[in-house]
C-alpha atoms as a PDB file:
ATOM      1  CA  MET A   1      -3.473 -31.752 -19.001  1.00  0.00           C
ATOM      2  CA  ASP A   2      -6.555 -29.553 -20.093  1.00  0.00           C
ATOM      3  CA  HIS A   3      -6.498 -27.705 -16.898  1.00  0.00           C
ATOM      4  CA  HIS A   4      -2.881 -26.215 -17.479  1.00  0.00           C
ATOM      5  CA  VAL A   5      -3.926 -25.201 -21.037  1.00  0.00           C
ATOM      6  CA  THR A   6      -6.976 -23.259 -20.019  1.00  0.00           C
ATOM      7  CA  ASN A   7      -4.517 -21.482 -17.350  1.00  0.00           C
ATOM      8  CA  LYS A   8      -2.030 -20.781 -19.829  1.00  0.00           C
ATOM      9  CA  SER A   9      -4.616 -19.312 -22.022  1.00  0.00           C
ATOM     10  CA  LEU A  10      -5.815 -17.173 -19.472  1.00  0.00           C
ATOM     11  CA  ILE A  11      -2.295 -15.889 -18.479  1.00  0.00           C
ATOM     12  CA  THR A  12      -1.599 -15.294 -22.392  1.00  0.00           C
ATOM     13  CA  ALA A  13      -5.057 -13.289 -22.456  1.00  0.00           C
ATOM     14  CA  TYR A  14      -4.409 -11.153 -19.388  1.00  0.00           C
ATOM     15  CA  GLN A  15      -0.849 -10.548 -20.552  1.00  0.00           C
ATOM     16  CA  ALA A  16      -2.375  -9.408 -24.087  1.00  0.00           C
ATOM     17  CA  TYR A  17      -5.050  -7.379 -21.928  1.00  0.00           C
ATOM     18  CA  LEU A  18      -2.413  -5.745 -19.988  1.00  0.00           C
ATOM     19  CA  THR A  19      -0.112  -4.698 -22.850  1.00  0.00           C
ATOM     20  CA  ASP A  20      -3.188  -3.240 -24.642  1.00  0.00           C
ATOM     21  CA  LEU A  21      -3.621  -1.267 -21.635  1.00  0.00           C
ATOM     22  CA  ILE A  22      -0.384  -0.022 -20.626  1.00  0.00           C
ATOM     23  CA  ASN A  23       0.220   1.052 -24.671  1.00  0.00           C
ATOM     24  CA  GLN A  24      -3.290   3.087 -24.657  1.00  0.00           C
ATOM     25  CA  VAL A  25      -2.847   4.768 -21.186  1.00  0.00           C
ATOM     26  CA  THR A  26       0.743   5.631 -22.262  1.00  0.00           C
ATOM     27  CA  LYS A  27      -0.535   7.279 -25.518  1.00  0.00           C
ATOM     28  CA  LEU A  28      -3.073   8.978 -23.834  1.00  0.00           C
ATOM     29  CA  LYS A  29      -0.688  10.562 -21.354  1.00  0.00           C
ATOM     30  CA  ASN A  30       1.530  11.428 -24.014  1.00  0.00           C
ATOM     31  CA  ASP A  31      -0.968  13.472 -25.976  1.00  0.00           C
ATOM     32  CA  GLY A  32      -1.655  15.383 -22.794  1.00  0.00           C
ATOM     33  CA  VAL A  33      -4.762  13.638 -21.921  1.00  0.00           C
ATOM     34  CA  SER A  34      -5.932  13.666 -18.233  1.00  0.00           C
ATOM     35  CA  PRO A  35      -5.740  10.461 -16.199  1.00  0.00           C
ATOM     36  CA  ASP A  36      -9.842  10.738 -15.651  1.00  0.00           C
ATOM     37  CA  ASP A  37     -10.380  11.460 -19.383  1.00  0.00           C
ATOM     38  CA  ALA A  38      -8.123   8.556 -20.264  1.00  0.00           C
ATOM     39  CA  ALA A  39     -10.089   6.142 -17.946  1.00  0.00           C
ATOM     40  CA  LYS A  40     -13.253   7.445 -19.832  1.00  0.00           C
ATOM     41  CA  ARG A  41     -11.573   6.737 -23.423  1.00  0.00           C
ATOM     42  CA  VAL A  42      -9.683   3.364 -22.835  1.00  0.00           C
ATOM     43  CA  ASP A  43     -11.246   0.611 -25.176  1.00  0.00           C
ATOM     44  CA  LEU A  44     -10.617  -2.931 -24.068  1.00  0.00           C
ATOM     45  CA  THR A  45     -13.489  -4.342 -25.782  1.00  0.00           C
ATOM     46  CA  ALA A  46     -11.070  -6.254 -27.854  1.00  0.00           C
ATOM     47  CA  HIS A  47     -10.681  -8.494 -24.584  1.00  0.00           C
ATOM     48  CA  ALA A  48     -14.240  -9.063 -23.634  1.00  0.00           C
ATOM     49  CA  LYS A  49     -14.403 -12.567 -25.285  1.00  0.00           C
ATOM     50  CA  ASP A  50     -11.803 -13.610 -22.706  1.00  0.00           C
ATOM     51  CA  PHE A  51     -13.049 -11.156 -19.900  1.00  0.00           C
ATOM     52  CA  ALA A  52     -16.943 -11.144 -19.494  1.00  0.00           C
ATOM     53  CA  GLN A  53     -16.961  -8.041 -17.312  1.00  0.00           C
ATOM     54  CA  ILE A  54     -15.729  -6.131 -19.957  1.00  0.00           C
ATOM     55  CA  THR A  55     -18.968  -4.795 -21.449  1.00  0.00           C
ATOM     56  CA  GLY A  56     -18.174  -1.395 -22.828  1.00  0.00           C
ATOM     57  CA  PRO A  57     -15.012   1.033 -23.019  1.00  0.00           C
ATOM     58  CA  GLY A  58     -13.372   2.709 -19.899  1.00  0.00           C
ATOM     59  CA  ALA A  59     -11.347   1.378 -17.367  1.00  0.00           C
ATOM     60  CA  GLU A  60     -10.958   1.773 -13.569  1.00  0.00           C
ATOM     61  CA  ILE A  61     -10.151   5.513 -12.499  1.00  0.00           C
ATOM     62  CA  ARG A  62      -7.815   4.307  -9.730  1.00  0.00           C
ATOM     63  CA  GLY A  63      -5.813   2.005 -11.816  1.00  0.00           C
ATOM     64  CA  VAL A  64      -5.290   4.504 -14.665  1.00  0.00           C
ATOM     65  CA  ARG A  65      -4.158   7.284 -11.829  1.00  0.00           C
ATOM     66  CA  ARG A  66      -1.877   4.489 -10.685  1.00  0.00           C
ATOM     67  CA  MET A  67      -0.812   4.419 -13.935  1.00  0.00           C
ATOM     68  CA  TYR A  68       0.157   7.604 -14.690  1.00  0.00           C
ATOM     69  CA  ALA A  69       2.074   7.986 -11.593  1.00  0.00           C
ATOM     70  CA  TRP A  70       3.997   4.622 -12.435  1.00  0.00           C
ATOM     71  CA  LEU A  71       4.926   6.125 -16.243  1.00  0.00           C
ATOM     72  CA  ASP A  72       6.022   9.301 -14.414  1.00  0.00           C
ATOM     73  CA  GLU A  73       8.319   7.200 -11.514  1.00  0.00           C
ATOM     74  CA  GLN A  74       9.547   5.273 -15.027  1.00  0.00           C
ATOM     75  CA  ARG A  75      10.876   8.358 -16.816  1.00  0.00           C
ATOM     76  CA  ALA A  76      12.120   9.735 -13.620  1.00  0.00           C
ATOM     77  CA  ALA A  77      14.515   6.802 -13.431  1.00  0.00           C
ATOM     78  CA  ARG A  78      16.181   7.180 -16.852  1.00  0.00           C
END
């Protein structure tokens, strides 16, 4: 049973990470920040306890660029 609890907690942590990432990137995009600058400014260090690879502010630039494109696609679909 412990194995399932660990998996569930990891999924919950990942959902929180993604929600935070989407919210931060959306705000930066709405504020007119370029994708490259947004990638430098996103701060996901609150999630470092669950994801040891997070050692400081910043997000992967390709992912942020794709999120900007996805946000544009979402707006166009409305």
